[in-house]
């Protein structure tokens, strides 16, 4: 069966009921004299947390943090929140909430070796650059536009049309001339452009996507992944 996740399915409950110690071994070290509720490997759609605990430990697998949901839950529960996620919170501050950059990399790599083995991939580079842009964001637009303008023939570019205005900051300018110029070029020349990859969505899984011998993994020198983590 093709695997779609590196981590187990979303889980919530008290530490005493947790069984996946192969993934989070540290849960055995949590204090027994505190009321703790865990909510692990969240995606975007999540239910409300139960009330009445001293601490809430929340982890995300690959999705961005749902800030609106997290802020609402912290206010409702009025407790200490600890959030583990594969990124940085930058200037995001939520009362009584601690953000910890956490990547369960060894577990992910074990999965990849089990799926594909650990033999070195062959060097078959056909492009100098590549960029994969599925869901459009401000930074992805800048990178993709720059490659389209300056290195199109040397690049493998995938560009889709999934655009939410909040992800491009409602097209607000930054005050940086170079970046704002790229934004305007994209809106003028490329906003209606899509460049498909011919990918069969039946194969849309982390197992297949982690294959280091696939086209996007070996056919270019510099992969601009447009992601927080890229396992290529």
Protein backbone atom coordinates (compact mmCIF):
# COMPACT_ATOMS: atom_id res chain seq x y z
CA UNK A 1 0.00 0.00 0.00
CA UNK A 2 1.32 3.45 -0.94
CA UNK A 3 1.95 5.58 2.16
CA UNK A 4 0.67 9.16 2.22
CA UNK A 5 2.24 10.24 5.53
CA UNK A 6 5.59 10.04 7.26
CA UNK A 7 3.95 10.32 10.66
CA UNK A 8 1.06 8.31 12.12
CA UNK A 9 -2.48 9.55 11.70
CA UNK A 10 -3.59 12.44 13.93
CA UNK A 11 -3.87 11.40 17.58
CA UNK A 12 -5.18 13.12 20.69
CA UNK A 13 -5.42 12.10 24.32
CA UNK A 14 -3.51 11.93 27.59
CA UNK A 15 0.13 10.78 27.64
CA UNK A 16 -0.73 7.57 29.54
CA UNK A 17 -2.75 6.39 26.53
CA UNK A 18 -0.08 7.15 23.93
CA UNK A 19 1.41 4.09 22.23
CA UNK A 20 3.69 5.43 19.45
CA UNK A 21 6.81 5.73 21.57
CA UNK A 22 8.87 4.81 18.50
CA UNK A 23 8.01 8.26 17.17
CA UNK A 24 7.86 10.38 20.35
CA UNK A 25 9.97 8.56 22.93
CA UNK A 26 10.17 11.67 25.12
CA UNK A 27 6.53 11.39 26.11
CA UNK A 28 7.59 8.97 28.86
CA UNK A 29 9.47 11.82 30.52
CA UNK A 30 6.49 14.14 30.91
CA UNK A 31 5.68 14.98 34.56
CA UNK A 32 3.06 12.72 36.07
CA UNK A 33 1.86 15.37 38.50
CA UNK A 34 0.54 17.64 35.73
CA UNK A 35 -2.67 17.35 33.76
CA UNK A 36 -1.51 17.17 30.13
CA UNK A 37 -3.45 16.78 26.89
CA UNK A 38 -1.70 15.94 23.63
CA UNK A 39 -2.83 16.61 20.08
CA UNK A 40 -0.29 15.19 17.64
CA UNK A 41 0.34 15.33 13.87
CA UNK A 42 -2.38 17.82 13.09
CA UNK A 43 -3.54 18.81 9.65
CA UNK A 44 -5.64 21.86 8.94
CA UNK A 45 -9.07 20.68 10.06
CA UNK A 46 -9.07 20.14 13.82
CA UNK A 47 -11.75 19.92 16.50
CA UNK A 48 -11.85 22.03 19.66
CA UNK A 49 -9.61 20.91 22.50
CA UNK A 50 -11.13 19.71 25.77
CA UNK A 51 -10.82 22.03 28.74
CA UNK A 52 -9.43 21.39 32.20
CA UNK A 53 -5.75 20.61 31.58
CA UNK A 54 -2.59 22.38 32.81
CA UNK A 55 -0.66 21.86 29.57
CA UNK A 56 -1.48 21.17 25.95
CA UNK A 57 1.20 19.74 23.66
CA UNK A 58 0.40 20.16 19.98
CA UNK A 59 2.46 18.95 17.05
CA UNK A 60 2.18 19.50 13.32
CA UNK A 61 3.49 17.12 10.69
CA UNK A 62 3.96 19.21 7.56
CA UNK A 63 1.09 21.71 7.54
CA UNK A 64 1.55 25.32 8.49
CA UNK A 65 0.25 26.27 11.91
CA UNK A 66 -3.44 27.12 11.96
CA UNK A 67 -2.97 30.40 13.83
CA UNK A 68 -6.66 31.24 14.06
CA UNK A 69 -7.52 27.84 15.56
CA UNK A 70 -4.53 27.85 17.90
CA UNK A 71 -5.28 31.35 19.23
CA UNK A 72 -8.91 30.43 19.80
CA UNK A 73 -8.01 27.23 21.67
CA UNK A 74 -5.47 28.91 23.92
CA UNK A 75 -7.93 31.61 24.88
CA UNK A 76 -10.68 29.07 25.53
CA UNK A 77 -8.54 26.64 27.56
CA UNK A 78 -6.52 29.33 29.39
CA UNK A 79 -3.55 27.00 29.91
CA UNK A 80 0.08 26.58 28.84
CA UNK A 81 0.47 25.56 25.20
CA UNK A 82 3.57 23.92 23.69
CA UNK A 83 3.58 23.76 19.89
CA UNK A 84 6.01 21.51 17.98
CA UNK A 85 6.27 22.25 14.27
CA UNK A 86 8.79 21.97 11.40
CA UNK A 87 9.35 25.69 10.99
CA UNK A 88 9.80 29.00 12.78
CA UNK A 89 7.19 31.19 14.42
CA UNK A 90 9.16 34.36 13.57
CA UNK A 91 7.33 37.28 15.23
CA UNK A 92 4.16 35.33 16.01
CA UNK A 93 3.28 35.63 19.70
CA UNK A 94 0.30 33.90 21.34
CA UNK A 95 -0.12 34.31 25.12
CA UNK A 96 1.17 31.36 27.20
CA UNK A 97 2.27 29.55 24.05
CA UNK A 98 5.78 28.25 23.41
CA UNK A 99 6.81 27.37 19.86
CA UNK A 100 9.52 24.76 19.37
CA UNK A 101 11.05 23.89 16.02
CA UNK A 102 10.83 20.12 15.93
CA UNK A 103 11.59 17.79 13.02
CA UNK A 104 11.28 14.06 13.57
CA UNK A 105 13.86 13.57 10.86
CA UNK A 106 15.25 10.18 11.89
CA UNK A 107 11.77 8.65 11.72
CA UNK A 108 11.15 10.16 8.28
CA UNK A 109 14.50 8.97 6.93
CA UNK A 110 13.88 5.45 8.22
CA UNK A 111 10.65 5.43 6.22
CA UNK A 112 12.43 6.61 3.07
CA UNK A 113 15.16 3.97 3.35
CA UNK A 114 12.53 1.32 3.91
CA UNK A 115 10.61 2.49 0.82
CA UNK A 116 13.46 3.15 -1.60
CA UNK A 117 16.67 1.73 -0.17
CA UNK A 118 19.87 3.72 0.40
CA UNK A 119 21.71 3.36 -2.91
CA UNK A 120 23.06 6.65 -4.34
CA UNK A 121 20.99 8.02 -7.21
CA UNK A 122 22.54 8.45 -10.63
CA UNK A 123 23.54 11.90 -11.81
CA UNK A 124 21.10 12.75 -14.62
CA UNK A 125 20.77 16.51 -14.40
CA UNK A 126 18.88 18.03 -17.33
CA UNK A 127 18.19 21.51 -15.91
CA UNK A 128 20.16 24.08 -14.00
CA UNK A 129 17.22 25.15 -11.82
CA UNK A 130 13.77 23.95 -10.92
CA UNK A 131 10.92 25.38 -8.91
CA UNK A 132 7.68 23.68 -7.92
CA UNK A 133 4.87 26.12 -7.21
CA UNK A 134 1.57 24.45 -6.35
CA UNK A 135 -0.12 26.76 -3.84
CA UNK A 136 0.89 30.32 -4.63
CA UNK A 137 2.43 32.48 -1.93
CA UNK A 138 4.28 35.76 -2.05
CA UNK A 139 7.77 34.24 -1.90
CA UNK A 140 6.91 31.50 -4.40
CA UNK A 141 5.71 34.11 -6.86
CA UNK A 142 8.96 36.04 -6.53
CA UNK A 143 11.14 32.98 -7.13
CA UNK A 144 9.07 31.60 -9.99
CA UNK A 145 8.81 34.98 -11.71
CA UNK A 146 12.56 35.54 -11.43
CA UNK A 147 13.27 32.19 -13.09
CA UNK A 148 10.69 32.80 -15.81
CA UNK A 149 12.25 36.17 -16.56
CA UNK A 150 15.94 35.25 -16.39
CA UNK A 151 16.45 31.49 -16.72
CA UNK A 152 13.35 29.98 -18.33
CA UNK A 153 15.24 27.79 -20.79
CA UNK A 154 17.52 26.45 -18.05
CA UNK A 155 14.70 25.70 -15.60
CA UNK A 156 12.12 23.07 -14.90
CA UNK A 157 9.15 25.12 -13.71
CA UNK A 158 5.80 23.87 -12.44
CA UNK A 159 3.24 26.61 -11.86
CA UNK A 160 -0.34 26.10 -10.75
CA UNK A 161 -3.18 28.57 -10.18
CA UNK A 162 -4.11 27.89 -6.54
CA UNK A 163 -4.19 31.44 -5.21
CA UNK A 164 -5.65 32.74 -1.95
CA UNK A 165 -5.21 36.49 -1.46
CA UNK A 166 -4.19 36.04 2.16
CA UNK A 167 -1.18 34.01 0.99
CA UNK A 168 0.05 36.93 -1.11
CA UNK A 169 -0.77 39.50 1.58
CA UNK A 170 -3.57 40.93 -0.57
CA UNK A 171 -0.92 42.08 -3.05
CA UNK A 172 0.45 44.66 -0.61
CA UNK A 173 3.80 46.05 -1.70
CA UNK A 174 6.84 45.50 0.49
CA UNK A 175 8.76 48.71 -0.13
CA UNK A 176 11.61 46.72 -1.69
CA UNK A 177 11.81 47.74 -5.34
CA UNK A 178 13.18 44.42 -6.61
CA UNK A 179 10.53 42.32 -4.88
CA UNK A 180 7.67 44.66 -5.71
CA UNK A 181 8.75 44.65 -9.36
CA UNK A 182 8.58 40.84 -9.40
CA UNK A 183 5.08 41.00 -7.94
CA UNK A 184 3.93 43.41 -10.65
CA UNK A 185 5.54 41.33 -13.40
CA UNK A 186 3.76 38.22 -12.17
CA UNK A 187 0.38 39.97 -12.04
CA UNK A 188 0.87 41.41 -15.51
CA UNK A 189 2.43 38.48 -17.36
CA UNK A 190 1.98 35.24 -15.48
CA UNK A 191 -1.12 35.35 -13.27
CA UNK A 192 -3.15 33.43 -15.86
CA UNK A 193 -0.29 31.09 -16.77
CA UNK A 194 -0.20 27.48 -15.62
CA UNK A 195 2.66 25.10 -16.35
CA UNK A 196 1.58 21.53 -15.55
CA UNK A 197 3.89 18.70 -14.58
CA UNK A 198 1.85 15.84 -16.00
CA UNK A 199 1.78 14.26 -12.57
CA UNK A 200 -0.80 11.54 -11.94
CA UNK A 201 -2.68 12.61 -8.79
CA UNK A 202 -3.21 8.94 -7.98
CA UNK A 203 0.47 8.99 -7.02
CA UNK A 204 0.12 12.00 -4.73
CA UNK A 205 1.74 10.60 -1.61
CA UNK A 206 4.77 11.26 0.57
CA UNK A 207 6.15 7.84 -0.26
CA UNK A 208 6.33 8.50 -4.00
CA UNK A 209 7.31 12.13 -3.45
CA UNK A 210 10.31 11.08 -1.32
CA UNK A 211 11.83 8.96 -4.10
CA UNK A 212 15.28 10.47 -4.69
CA UNK A 213 15.46 8.97 -8.17
CA UNK A 214 12.35 10.66 -9.59
CA UNK A 215 12.39 13.39 -12.23
CA UNK A 216 12.24 16.40 -9.93
CA UNK A 217 14.84 14.90 -7.62
CA UNK A 218 17.69 14.38 -10.06
CA UNK A 219 17.20 16.47 -13.17
CA UNK A 220 18.50 19.80 -11.94
CA UNK A 221 21.41 21.27 -10.06
CA UNK A 222 19.47 23.66 -7.83
CA UNK A 223 15.98 22.77 -6.65
CA UNK A 224 14.05 25.76 -5.32
CA UNK A 225 11.48 23.69 -3.46
CA UNK A 226 9.34 26.59 -2.21
CA UNK A 227 8.76 24.54 0.94
CA UNK A 228 9.94 24.70 4.53
CA UNK A 229 11.41 21.20 4.26
CA UNK A 230 12.56 19.41 1.12
CA UNK A 231 13.64 15.80 1.34
CA UNK A 232 15.21 15.69 -2.08
